[in-house]
């Protein structure tokens, strides 16, 4: 199951990302870069992974005892046309979102065909 990481004013170029599901589907095959930023609430443990067709590409764990912080992870993947990439929560406390200050995001872009 995908974890939707969204800003209140998302930017979408192309048709690959489905904001209803949080899943990116490649419209062309190639080398892609994917990045995630997430902001755990203080005293909240978050463990996420970037997943390609159900297999983990990159994992990140963060626990911040006192302060609200944002952390990020990136990965590259060869993705075939029609294959899916998403962010999955392995274990997640609450994510913090305050427009103009802190927000969560998932982005991907084609690097090379």
PDB file of N, CA and C in Angstrom:
ATOM      1  N   UNK A   1       0.837  -1.178   0.000  1.00  0.00           N
ATOM      2  CA  UNK A   1       0.000   0.000   0.000  1.00  0.00           C
ATOM      3  C   UNK A   1       0.882   1.240   0.000  1.00  0.00           C
ATOM      4  N   UNK A   2       0.546   2.198  -0.805  1.00  0.00           N
ATOM      5  CA  UNK A   2       1.329   3.427  -0.926  1.00  0.00           C
ATOM      6  C   UNK A   2       0.960   4.403   0.185  1.00  0.00           C
ATOM      7  N   UNK A   3       1.954   5.143   0.633  1.00  0.00           N
ATOM      8  CA  UNK A   3       1.744   6.220   1.589  1.00  0.00           C
ATOM      9  C   UNK A   3       1.708   7.508   0.800  1.00  0.00           C
ATOM     10  N   UNK A   4       0.610   8.243   0.887  1.00  0.00           N
ATOM     11  CA  UNK A   4       0.516   9.490   0.138  1.00  0.00           C
ATOM     12  C   UNK A   4       1.213  10.596   0.909  1.00  0.00           C
ATOM     13  N   UNK A   5       2.214  11.198   0.273  1.00  0.00           N
ATOM     14  CA  UNK A   5       2.940  12.327   0.845  1.00  0.00           C
ATOM     15  C   UNK A   5       2.638  13.514  -0.041  1.00  0.00           C
ATOM     16  N   UNK A   6       1.770  14.413   0.407  1.00  0.00           N
ATOM     17  CA  UNK A   6       1.282  15.452  -0.480  1.00  0.00           C
ATOM     18  C   UNK A   6       1.368  16.820   0.159  1.00  0.00           C
ATOM     19  N   UNK A   7       1.614  17.800  -0.661  1.00  0.00           N
ATOM     20  CA  UNK A   7       1.489  19.198  -0.268  1.00  0.00           C
ATOM     21  C   UNK A   7       0.093  19.646  -0.652  1.00  0.00           C
ATOM     22  N   UNK A   8      -0.346  20.732  -0.080  1.00  0.00           N
ATOM     23  CA  UNK A   8      -1.679  21.218  -0.421  1.00  0.00           C
ATOM     24  C   UNK A   8      -1.714  21.812  -1.823  1.00  0.00           C
ATOM     25  N   UNK A   9      -0.564  22.209  -2.368  1.00  0.00           N
ATOM     26  CA  UNK A   9      -0.490  22.720  -3.737  1.00  0.00           C
ATOM     27  C   UNK A   9       0.536  21.899  -4.521  1.00  0.00           C
ATOM     28  N   UNK A  10       0.197  20.674  -4.901  1.00  0.00           N
ATOM     29  CA  UNK A  10       1.166  19.822  -5.591  1.00  0.00           C
ATOM     30  C   UNK A  10       1.440  20.297  -7.018  1.00  0.00           C
ATOM     31  N   UNK A  11       2.578  19.864  -7.529  1.00  0.00           N
ATOM     32  CA  UNK A  11       2.977  20.158  -8.902  1.00  0.00           C
ATOM     33  C   UNK A  11       3.121  18.838  -9.640  1.00  0.00           C
ATOM     34  N   UNK A  12       2.416  18.700 -10.730  1.00  0.00           N
ATOM     35  CA  UNK A  12       2.498  17.489 -11.539  1.00  0.00           C
ATOM     36  C   UNK A  12       2.799  17.882 -12.979  1.00  0.00           C
ATOM     37  N   UNK A  13       3.835  17.299 -13.526  1.00  0.00           N
ATOM     38  CA  UNK A  13       4.170  17.482 -14.934  1.00  0.00           C
ATOM     39  C   UNK A  13       4.042  16.108 -15.565  1.00  0.00           C
ATOM     40  N   UNK A  14       3.196  15.976 -16.536  1.00  0.00           N
ATOM     41  CA  UNK A  14       2.973  14.671 -17.150  1.00  0.00           C
ATOM     42  C   UNK A  14       1.816  13.952 -16.485  1.00  0.00           C
ATOM     43  N   UNK A  15       1.698  12.672 -16.796  1.00  0.00           N
ATOM     44  CA  UNK A  15       0.565  11.908 -16.295  1.00  0.00           C
ATOM     45  C   UNK A  15       0.973  10.749 -15.410  1.00  0.00           C
ATOM     46  N   UNK A  16       2.216  10.672 -14.993  1.00  0.00           N
ATOM     47  CA  UNK A  16       2.701   9.493 -14.277  1.00  0.00           C
ATOM     48  C   UNK A  16       2.264   9.364 -12.843  1.00  0.00           C
ATOM     49  N   UNK A  17       2.045  10.481 -12.141  1.00  0.00           N
ATOM     50  CA  UNK A  17       1.720  10.419 -10.722  1.00  0.00           C
ATOM     51  C   UNK A  17       0.215  10.493 -10.501  1.00  0.00           C
ATOM     52  N   UNK A  18      -0.306   9.569  -9.704  1.00  0.00           N
ATOM     53  CA  UNK A  18      -1.723   9.557  -9.357  1.00  0.00           C
ATOM     54  C   UNK A  18      -1.868  10.079  -7.926  1.00  0.00           C
ATOM     55  N   UNK A  19      -2.355  11.307  -7.754  1.00  0.00           N
ATOM     56  CA  UNK A  19      -2.459  11.875  -6.401  1.00  0.00           C
ATOM     57  C   UNK A  19      -3.471  11.156  -5.522  1.00  0.00           C
ATOM     58  N   UNK A  20      -4.392  10.422  -6.103  1.00  0.00           N
ATOM     59  CA  UNK A  20      -5.380   9.686  -5.314  1.00  0.00           C
ATOM     60  C   UNK A  20      -4.759   8.478  -4.621  1.00  0.00           C
ATOM     61  N   UNK A  21      -3.767   7.850  -5.260  1.00  0.00           N
ATOM     62  CA  UNK A  21      -3.145   6.651  -4.703  1.00  0.00           C
ATOM     63  C   UNK A  21      -1.735   6.884  -4.196  1.00  0.00           C
ATOM     64  N   UNK A  22      -1.057   7.940  -4.668  1.00  0.00           N
ATOM     65  CA  UNK A  22       0.332   8.177  -4.308  1.00  0.00           C
ATOM     66  C   UNK A  22       1.300   7.336  -5.116  1.00  0.00           C
ATOM     67  N   UNK A  23       0.843   6.750  -6.220  1.00  0.00           N
ATOM     68  CA  UNK A  23       1.671   5.854  -7.029  1.00  0.00           C
ATOM     69  C   UNK A  23       2.085   6.540  -8.323  1.00  0.00           C
ATOM     70  N   UNK A  24       3.380   6.400  -8.668  1.00  0.00           N
ATOM     71  CA  UNK A  24       3.926   6.886  -9.929  1.00  0.00           C
ATOM     72  C   UNK A  24       4.002   5.712 -10.889  1.00  0.00           C
ATOM     73  N   UNK A  25       3.489   5.881 -12.108  1.00  0.00           N
ATOM     74  CA  UNK A  25       3.573   4.869 -13.162  1.00  0.00           C
ATOM     75  C   UNK A  25       4.371   5.464 -14.317  1.00  0.00           C
ATOM     76  N   UNK A  26       5.446   4.795 -14.700  1.00  0.00           N
ATOM     77  CA  UNK A  26       6.322   5.310 -15.754  1.00  0.00           C
ATOM     78  C   UNK A  26       5.626   5.266 -17.113  1.00  0.00           C
ATOM     79  N   UNK A  27       5.602   6.401 -17.793  1.00  0.00           N
ATOM     80  CA  UNK A  27       5.014   6.457 -19.129  1.00  0.00           C
ATOM     81  C   UNK A  27       6.038   6.113 -20.204  1.00  0.00           C
ATOM     82  N   UNK A  28       7.322   6.195 -19.855  1.00  0.00           N
ATOM     83  CA  UNK A  28       8.404   5.775 -20.745  1.00  0.00           C
ATOM     84  C   UNK A  28       9.460   5.054 -19.908  1.00  0.00           C
ATOM     85  N   UNK A  29      10.159   4.117 -20.530  1.00  0.00           N
ATOM     86  CA  UNK A  29      11.226   3.397 -19.842  1.00  0.00           C
ATOM     87  C   UNK A  29      12.453   4.290 -19.742  1.00  0.00           C
ATOM     88  N   UNK A  30      13.213   4.129 -18.674  1.00  0.00           N
ATOM     89  CA  UNK A  30      14.441   4.883 -18.527  1.00  0.00           C
ATOM     90  C   UNK A  30      14.968   4.860 -17.114  1.00  0.00           C
ATOM     91  N   UNK A  31      16.000   5.657 -16.886  1.00  0.00           N
ATOM     92  CA  UNK A  31      16.599   5.815 -15.570  1.00  0.00           C
ATOM     93  C   UNK A  31      15.908   6.985 -14.888  1.00  0.00           C
ATOM     94  N   UNK A  32      15.343   6.743 -13.710  1.00  0.00           N
ATOM     95  CA  UNK A  32      14.614   7.760 -12.957  1.00  0.00           C
ATOM     96  C   UNK A  32      15.312   8.019 -11.626  1.00  0.00           C
ATOM     97  N   UNK A  33      15.139   9.228 -11.127  1.00  0.00           N
ATOM     98  CA  UNK A  33      15.538   9.546  -9.766  1.00  0.00           C
ATOM     99  C   UNK A  33      14.264   9.815  -8.968  1.00  0.00           C
ATOM    100  N   UNK A  34      14.187   9.250  -7.768  1.00  0.00           N
ATOM    101  CA  UNK A  34      13.057   9.458  -6.872  1.00  0.00           C
ATOM    102  C   UNK A  34      13.569  10.022  -5.560  1.00  0.00           C
ATOM    103  N   UNK A  35      12.812  10.931  -4.991  1.00  0.00           N
ATOM    104  CA  UNK A  35      13.188  11.541  -3.724  1.00  0.00           C
ATOM    105  C   UNK A  35      11.958  11.697  -2.833  1.00  0.00           C
ATOM    106  N   UNK A  36      12.173  11.557  -1.550  1.00  0.00           N
ATOM    107  CA  UNK A  36      11.117  11.701  -0.557  1.00  0.00           C
ATOM    108  C   UNK A  36      11.620  12.637   0.538  1.00  0.00           C
ATOM    109  N   UNK A  37      10.773  13.552   0.951  1.00  0.00           N
ATOM    110  CA  UNK A  37      11.014  14.330   2.157  1.00  0.00           C
ATOM    111  C   UNK A  37       9.847  14.064   3.093  1.00  0.00           C
ATOM    112  N   UNK A  38      10.151  13.777   4.338  1.00  0.00           N
ATOM    113  CA  UNK A  38       9.082  13.564   5.323  1.00  0.00           C
ATOM    114  C   UNK A  38       9.469  14.227   6.642  1.00  0.00           C
ATOM    115  N   UNK A  39       8.441  14.639   7.366  1.00  0.00           N
ATOM    116  CA  UNK A  39       8.625  15.438   8.575  1.00  0.00           C
ATOM    117  C   UNK A  39       7.878  14.781   9.734  1.00  0.00           C
ATOM    118  N   UNK A  40       8.571  13.957  10.529  1.00  0.00           N
ATOM    119  CA  UNK A  40       7.905  13.315  11.658  1.00  0.00           C
ATOM    120  C   UNK A  40       7.576  14.324  12.761  1.00  0.00           C
ATOM    121  N   UNK A  41       6.453  14.109  13.426  1.00  0.00           N
ATOM    122  CA  UNK A  41       6.144  14.874  14.633  1.00  0.00           C
ATOM    123  C   UNK A  41       7.213  14.578  15.679  1.00  0.00           C
ATOM    124  N   UNK A  42       7.486  15.528  16.569  1.00  0.00           N
ATOM    125  CA  UNK A  42       8.400  15.222  17.678  1.00  0.00           C
ATOM    126  C   UNK A  42       7.907  13.997  18.456  1.00  0.00           C
ATOM    127  N   UNK A  43       8.839  13.190  18.914  1.00  0.00           N
ATOM    128  CA  UNK A  43       8.576  11.955  19.656  1.00  0.00           C
ATOM    129  C   UNK A  43       7.775  10.949  18.833  1.00  0.00           C
ATOM    130  N   UNK A  44       7.984  10.959  17.516  1.00  0.00           N
ATOM    131  CA  UNK A  44       7.296  10.036  16.623  1.00  0.00           C
ATOM    132  C   UNK A  44       8.321   9.304  15.763  1.00  0.00           C
ATOM    133  N   UNK A  45       8.207   7.989  15.674  1.00  0.00           N
ATOM    134  CA  UNK A  45       9.116   7.178  14.873  1.00  0.00           C
ATOM    135  C   UNK A  45       8.496   6.950  13.498  1.00  0.00           C
ATOM    136  N   UNK A  46       9.279   7.154  12.436  1.00  0.00           N
ATOM    137  CA  UNK A  46       8.804   6.955  11.069  1.00  0.00           C
ATOM    138  C   UNK A  46       9.822   6.100  10.320  1.00  0.00           C
ATOM    139  N   UNK A  47       9.333   5.095   9.606  1.00  0.00           N
ATOM    140  CA  UNK A  47      10.167   4.171   8.841  1.00  0.00           C
ATOM    141  C   UNK A  47       9.502   3.993   7.481  1.00  0.00           C
ATOM    142  N   UNK A  48      10.087   4.593   6.439  1.00  0.00           N
ATOM    143  CA  UNK A  48       9.514   4.579   5.096  1.00  0.00           C
ATOM    144  C   UNK A  48      10.477   3.938   4.112  1.00  0.00           C
ATOM    145  N   UNK A  49       9.938   3.505   2.962  1.00  0.00           N
ATOM    146  CA  UNK A  49      10.793   3.027   1.884  1.00  0.00           C
ATOM    147  C   UNK A  49      10.226   3.460   0.543  1.00  0.00           C
ATOM    148  N   UNK A  50      11.120   3.690  -0.414  1.00  0.00           N
ATOM    149  CA  UNK A  50      10.739   3.899  -1.804  1.00  0.00           C
ATOM    150  C   UNK A  50      10.710   2.508  -2.434  1.00  0.00           C
ATOM    151  N   UNK A  51       9.580   2.165  -3.035  1.00  0.00           N
ATOM    152  CA  UNK A  51       9.331   0.810  -3.521  1.00  0.00           C
ATOM    153  C   UNK A  51       9.113   0.817  -5.033  1.00  0.00           C
ATOM    154  N   UNK A  52       9.752  -0.114  -5.722  1.00  0.00           N
ATOM    155  CA  UNK A  52       9.598  -0.274  -7.174  1.00  0.00           C
ATOM    156  C   UNK A  52       9.016  -1.663  -7.420  1.00  0.00           C
ATOM    157  N   UNK A  53       7.782  -1.696  -7.900  1.00  0.00           N
ATOM    158  CA  UNK A  53       7.098  -2.963  -8.187  1.00  0.00           C
ATOM    159  C   UNK A  53       7.143  -3.913  -6.976  1.00  0.00           C
ATOM    160  N   UNK A  54       6.958  -3.352  -5.781  1.00  0.00           N
ATOM    161  CA  UNK A  54       6.908  -4.160  -4.566  1.00  0.00           C
ATOM    162  C   UNK A  54       8.240  -4.472  -3.922  1.00  0.00           C
ATOM    163  N   UNK A  55       9.364  -4.074  -4.560  1.00  0.00           N
ATOM    164  CA  UNK A  55      10.692  -4.328  -4.006  1.00  0.00           C
ATOM    165  C   UNK A  55      11.286  -3.020  -3.500  1.00  0.00           C
ATOM    166  N   UNK A  56      11.861  -3.028  -2.293  1.00  0.00           N
ATOM    167  CA  UNK A  56      12.421  -1.790  -1.753  1.00  0.00           C
ATOM    168  C   UNK A  56      13.657  -1.324  -2.530  1.00  0.00           C
ATOM    169  N   UNK A  57      13.696  -0.022  -2.812  1.00  0.00           N
ATOM    170  CA  UNK A  57      14.864   0.600  -3.442  1.00  0.00           C
ATOM    171  C   UNK A  57      15.718   1.321  -2.407  1.00  0.00           C
ATOM    172  N   UNK A  58      15.046   1.953  -1.446  1.00  0.00           N
ATOM    173  CA  UNK A  58      15.734   2.746  -0.421  1.00  0.00           C
ATOM    174  C   UNK A  58      14.851   2.801   0.806  1.00  0.00           C
ATOM    175  N   UNK A  59      15.466   2.715   1.990  1.00  0.00           N
ATOM    176  CA  UNK A  59      14.709   2.803   3.242  1.00  0.00           C
ATOM    177  C   UNK A  59      15.278   3.904   4.114  1.00  0.00           C
ATOM    178  N   UNK A  60      14.388   4.461   4.941  1.00  0.00           N
ATOM    179  CA  UNK A  60      14.803   5.521   5.853  1.00  0.00           C
ATOM    180  C   UNK A  60      14.025   5.396   7.156  1.00  0.00           C
ATOM    181  N   UNK A  61      14.743   5.558   8.246  1.00  0.00           N
ATOM    182  CA  UNK A  61      14.142   5.535   9.575  1.00  0.00           C
ATOM    183  C   UNK A  61      14.534   6.822  10.286  1.00  0.00           C
ATOM    184  N   UNK A  62      13.583   7.410  11.007  1.00  0.00           N
ATOM    185  CA  UNK A  62      13.931   8.601  11.790  1.00  0.00           C
ATOM    186  C   UNK A  62      13.077   8.689  13.038  1.00  0.00           C
ATOM    187  N   UNK A  63      13.742   9.040  14.126  1.00  0.00           N
ATOM    188  CA  UNK A  63      13.074   9.346  15.385  1.00  0.00           C
ATOM    189  C   UNK A  63      13.711  10.611  15.937  1.00  0.00           C
ATOM    190  N   UNK A  64      12.904  11.591  16.165  1.00  0.00           N
ATOM    191  CA  UNK A  64      13.368  12.859  16.745  1.00  0.00           C
ATOM    192  C   UNK A  64      12.608  13.078  18.033  1.00  0.00           C
ATOM    193  N   UNK A  65      13.321  13.124  19.143  1.00  0.00           N
ATOM    194  CA  UNK A  65      12.665  13.176  20.440  1.00  0.00           C
ATOM    195  C   UNK A  65      11.983  14.506  20.733  1.00  0.00           C
ATOM    196  N   UNK A  66      12.609  15.626  20.389  1.00  0.00           N
ATOM    197  CA  UNK A  66      12.115  16.921  20.847  1.00  0.00           C
ATOM    198  C   UNK A  66      11.634  17.833  19.718  1.00  0.00           C
ATOM    199  N   UNK A  67      12.388  17.930  18.634  1.00  0.00           N
ATOM    200  CA  UNK A  67      12.135  18.949  17.620  1.00  0.00           C
ATOM    201  C   UNK A  67      11.420  18.388  16.395  1.00  0.00           C
ATOM    202  N   UNK A  68      10.695  19.238  15.704  1.00  0.00           N
ATOM    203  CA  UNK A  68      10.131  18.889  14.411  1.00  0.00           C
ATOM    204  C   UNK A  68      11.192  19.107  13.343  1.00  0.00           C
ATOM    205  N   UNK A  69      11.554  18.063  12.638  1.00  0.00           N
ATOM    206  CA  UNK A  69      12.570  18.144  11.583  1.00  0.00           C
ATOM    207  C   UNK A  69      12.032  17.481  10.327  1.00  0.00           C
ATOM    208  N   UNK A  70      12.682  17.739   9.209  1.00  0.00           N
ATOM    209  CA  UNK A  70      12.379  17.035   7.966  1.00  0.00           C
ATOM    210  C   UNK A  70      13.636  16.299   7.523  1.00  0.00           C
ATOM    211  N   UNK A  71      13.461  15.093   7.028  1.00  0.00           N
ATOM    212  CA  UNK A  71      14.561  14.286   6.522  1.00  0.00           C
ATOM    213  C   UNK A  71      14.217  13.837   5.108  1.00  0.00           C
ATOM    214  N   UNK A  72      15.230  13.412   4.362  1.00  0.00           N
ATOM    215  CA  UNK A  72      14.970  13.011   2.982  1.00  0.00           C
ATOM    216  C   UNK A  72      15.781  11.783   2.615  1.00  0.00           C
ATOM    217  N   UNK A  73      15.352  11.143   1.530  1.00  0.00           N
ATOM    218  CA  UNK A  73      16.102  10.038   0.934  1.00  0.00           C
ATOM    219  C   UNK A  73      15.904  10.097  -0.578  1.00  0.00           C
ATOM    220  N   UNK A  74      16.893   9.594  -1.294  1.00  0.00           N
ATOM    221  CA  UNK A  74      16.848   9.583  -2.753  1.00  0.00           C
ATOM    222  C   UNK A  74      17.336   8.227  -3.246  1.00  0.00           C
ATOM    223  N   UNK A  75      16.908   7.886  -4.470  1.00  0.00           N
ATOM    224  CA  UNK A  75      17.397   6.676  -5.106  1.00  0.00           C
ATOM    225  C   UNK A  75      17.227   6.794  -6.625  1.00  0.00           C
ATOM    226  N   UNK A  76      17.993   6.020  -7.342  1.00  0.00           N
ATOM    227  CA  UNK A  76      17.874   5.922  -8.799  1.00  0.00           C
ATOM    228  C   UNK A  76      17.388   4.520  -9.143  1.00  0.00           C
ATOM    229  N   UNK A  77      16.624   4.407 -10.219  1.00  0.00           N
ATOM    230  CA  UNK A  77      16.135   3.094 -10.638  1.00  0.00           C
ATOM    231  C   UNK A  77      15.874   3.075 -12.133  1.00  0.00           C
ATOM    232  N   UNK A  78      16.201   1.936 -12.761  1.00  0.00           N
ATOM    233  CA  UNK A  78      15.776   1.703 -14.142  1.00  0.00           C
ATOM    234  C   UNK A  78      14.343   1.208 -14.070  1.00  0.00           C
ATOM    235  N   UNK A  79      13.441   1.943 -14.708  1.00  0.00           N
ATOM    236  CA  UNK A  79      12.019   1.636 -14.634  1.00  0.00           C
ATOM    237  C   UNK A  79      11.493   1.416 -16.054  1.00  0.00           C
ATOM    238  N   UNK A  80      10.814   0.314 -16.267  1.00  0.00           N
ATOM    239  CA  UNK A  80      10.216   0.010 -17.573  1.00  0.00           C
ATOM    240  C   UNK A  80       8.867   0.720 -17.698  1.00  0.00           C
ATOM    241  N   UNK A  81       8.439   0.948 -18.923  1.00  0.00           N
ATOM    242  CA  UNK A  81       7.148   1.580 -19.155  1.00  0.00           C
ATOM    243  C   UNK A  81       6.049   0.769 -18.465  1.00  0.00           C
ATOM    244  N   UNK A  82       5.191   1.456 -17.735  1.00  0.00           N
ATOM    245  CA  UNK A  82       4.085   0.817 -17.040  1.00  0.00           C
ATOM    246  C   UNK A  82       4.395   0.332 -15.634  1.00  0.00           C
ATOM    247  N   UNK A  83       5.674   0.307 -15.255  1.00  0.00           N
ATOM    248  CA  UNK A  83       6.026  -0.118 -13.902  1.00  0.00           C
ATOM    249  C   UNK A  83       5.707   0.989 -12.897  1.00  0.00           C
ATOM    250  N   UNK A  84       5.518   0.587 -11.642  1.00  0.00           N
ATOM    251  CA  UNK A  84       5.056   1.508 -10.602  1.00  0.00           C
ATOM    252  C   UNK A  84       6.106   1.692  -9.514  1.00  0.00           C
ATOM    253  N   UNK A  85       6.148   2.922  -8.990  1.00  0.00           N
ATOM    254  CA  UNK A  85       7.030   3.278  -7.874  1.00  0.00           C
ATOM    255  C   UNK A  85       6.187   4.053  -6.873  1.00  0.00           C
ATOM    256  N   UNK A  86       6.372   3.762  -5.584  1.00  0.00           N
ATOM    257  CA  UNK A  86       5.607   4.456  -4.559  1.00  0.00           C
ATOM    258  C   UNK A  86       6.390   4.482  -3.255  1.00  0.00           C
ATOM    259  N   UNK A  87       5.872   5.207  -2.283  1.00  0.00           N
ATOM    260  CA  UNK A  87       6.441   5.261  -0.939  1.00  0.00           C
ATOM    261  C   UNK A  87       5.569   4.387  -0.047  1.00  0.00           C
ATOM    262  N   UNK A  88       6.225   3.494   0.682  1.00  0.00           N
ATOM    263  CA  UNK A  88       5.495   2.597   1.569  1.00  0.00           C
ATOM    264  C   UNK A  88       5.927   2.867   3.008  1.00  0.00           C
ATOM    265  N   UNK A  89       4.958   2.856   3.890  1.00  0.00           N
ATOM    266  CA  UNK A  89       5.226   3.002   5.314  1.00  0.00           C
ATOM    267  C   UNK A  89       5.429   1.631   5.924  1.00  0.00           C
ATOM    268  N   UNK A  90       6.603   1.393   6.480  1.00  0.00           N
ATOM    269  CA  UNK A  90       6.871   0.140   7.186  1.00  0.00           C
ATOM    270  C   UNK A  90       6.362   0.267   8.619  1.00  0.00           C
ATOM    271  N   UNK A  91       6.649   1.393   9.221  1.00  0.00           N
ATOM    272  CA  UNK A  91       6.102   1.756  10.521  1.00  0.00           C
ATOM    273  C   UNK A  91       6.081   3.271  10.563  1.00  0.00           C
ATOM    274  N   UNK A  92       4.966   3.829  10.924  1.00  0.00           N
ATOM    275  CA  UNK A  92       4.909   5.285  10.868  1.00  0.00           C
ATOM    276  C   UNK A  92       4.067   5.866  11.982  1.00  0.00           C
ATOM    277  N   UNK A  93       4.679   6.824  12.662  1.00  0.00           N
ATOM    278  CA  UNK A  93       3.925   7.691  13.542  1.00  0.00           C
ATOM    279  C   UNK A  93       3.320   8.784  12.674  1.00  0.00           C
ATOM    280  N   UNK A  94       2.973   9.882  13.265  1.00  0.00           N
ATOM    281  CA  UNK A  94       2.348  10.973  12.521  1.00  0.00           C
ATOM    282  C   UNK A  94       3.381  11.802  11.772  1.00  0.00           C
ATOM    283  N   UNK A  95       3.001  12.224  10.562  1.00  0.00           N
ATOM    284  CA  UNK A  95       3.824  13.141   9.783  1.00  0.00           C
ATOM    285  C   UNK A  95       3.294  14.557   9.965  1.00  0.00           C
ATOM    286  N   UNK A  96       4.223  15.480  10.079  1.00  0.00           N
ATOM    287  CA  UNK A  96       3.892  16.877  10.341  1.00  0.00           C
ATOM    288  C   UNK A  96       3.784  17.634   9.025  1.00  0.00           C
ATOM    289  N   UNK A  97       2.798  18.499   8.918  1.00  0.00           N
ATOM    290  CA  UNK A  97       2.648  19.343   7.733  1.00  0.00           C
ATOM    291  C   UNK A  97       2.145  20.715   8.174  1.00  0.00           C
ATOM    292  N   UNK A  98       2.894  21.724   7.831  1.00  0.00           N
ATOM    293  CA  UNK A  98       2.451  23.100   8.074  1.00  0.00           C
ATOM    294  C   UNK A  98       2.825  23.899   6.840  1.00  0.00           C
ATOM    295  N   UNK A  99       1.825  24.277   6.062  1.00  0.00           N
ATOM    296  CA  UNK A  99       2.065  24.978   4.795  1.00  0.00           C
ATOM    297  C   UNK A  99       2.945  26.200   5.016  1.00  0.00           C
ATOM    298  N   UNK A 100       3.939  26.339   4.165  1.00  0.00           N
ATOM    299  CA  UNK A 100       4.866  27.465   4.245  1.00  0.00           C
ATOM    300  C   UNK A 100       6.023  27.230   5.196  1.00  0.00           C
ATOM    301  N   UNK A 101       5.984  26.118   5.931  1.00  0.00           N
ATOM    302  CA  UNK A 101       7.044  25.863   6.908  1.00  0.00           C
ATOM    303  C   UNK A 101       7.647  24.464   6.741  1.00  0.00           C
ATOM    304  N   UNK A 102       6.814  23.443   6.851  1.00  0.00           N
ATOM    305  CA  UNK A 102       7.286  22.055   6.716  1.00  0.00           C
ATOM    306  C   UNK A 102       6.246  21.271   5.927  1.00  0.00           C
ATOM    307  N   UNK A 103       6.704  20.458   4.969  1.00  0.00           N
ATOM    308  CA  UNK A 103       5.761  19.610   4.253  1.00  0.00           C
ATOM    309  C   UNK A 103       6.451  18.340   3.786  1.00  0.00           C
ATOM    310  N   UNK A 104       5.624  17.342   3.480  1.00  0.00           N
ATOM    311  CA  UNK A 104       6.093  16.045   3.008  1.00  0.00           C
ATOM    312  C   UNK A 104       5.943  15.988   1.499  1.00  0.00           C
ATOM    313  N   UNK A 105       6.860  15.299   0.831  1.00  0.00           N
ATOM    314  CA  UNK A 105       6.780  15.251  -0.627  1.00  0.00           C
ATOM    315  C   UNK A 105       7.384  13.960  -1.169  1.00  0.00           C
ATOM    316  N   UNK A 106       6.914  13.590  -2.352  1.00  0.00           N
ATOM    317  CA  UNK A 106       7.454  12.465  -3.121  1.00  0.00           C
ATOM    318  C   UNK A 106       7.591  12.967  -4.546  1.00  0.00           C
ATOM    319  N   UNK A 107       8.783  12.842  -5.122  1.00  0.00           N
ATOM    320  CA  UNK A 107       9.009  13.337  -6.477  1.00  0.00           C
ATOM    321  C   UNK A 107       9.841  12.332  -7.261  1.00  0.00           C
ATOM    322  N   UNK A 108       9.626  12.317  -8.558  1.00  0.00           N
ATOM    323  CA  UNK A 108      10.405  11.479  -9.444  1.00  0.00           C
ATOM    324  C   UNK A 108      10.578  12.171 -10.771  1.00  0.00           C
ATOM    325  N   UNK A 109      11.729  11.948 -11.394  1.00  0.00           N
ATOM    326  CA  UNK A 109      11.919  12.523 -12.721  1.00  0.00           C
ATOM    327  C   UNK A 109      12.816  11.620 -13.554  1.00  0.00           C
ATOM    328  N   UNK A 110      12.589  11.690 -14.865  1.00  0.00           N
ATOM    329  CA  UNK A 110      13.356  10.906 -15.824  1.00  0.00           C
ATOM    330  C   UNK A 110      14.727  11.535 -15.997  1.00  0.00           C
ATOM    331  N   UNK A 111      15.769  10.745 -15.787  1.00  0.00           N
ATOM    332  CA  UNK A 111      17.134  11.232 -15.940  1.00  0.00           C
ATOM    333  C   UNK A 111      17.665  10.916 -17.330  1.00  0.00           C
ATOM    334  N   UNK A 112      17.373   9.710 -17.819  1.00  0.00           N
ATOM    335  CA  UNK A 112      17.914   9.287 -19.128  1.00  0.00           C
ATOM    336  C   UNK A 112      17.033   8.191 -19.708  1.00  0.00           C
ATOM    337  N   UNK A 113      16.774   8.270 -21.018  1.00  0.00           N
ATOM    338  CA  UNK A 113      16.005   7.231 -21.708  1.00  0.00           C
ATOM    339  C   UNK A 113      16.852   5.999 -21.918  1.00  0.00           C
TER     340      UNK A 113
END
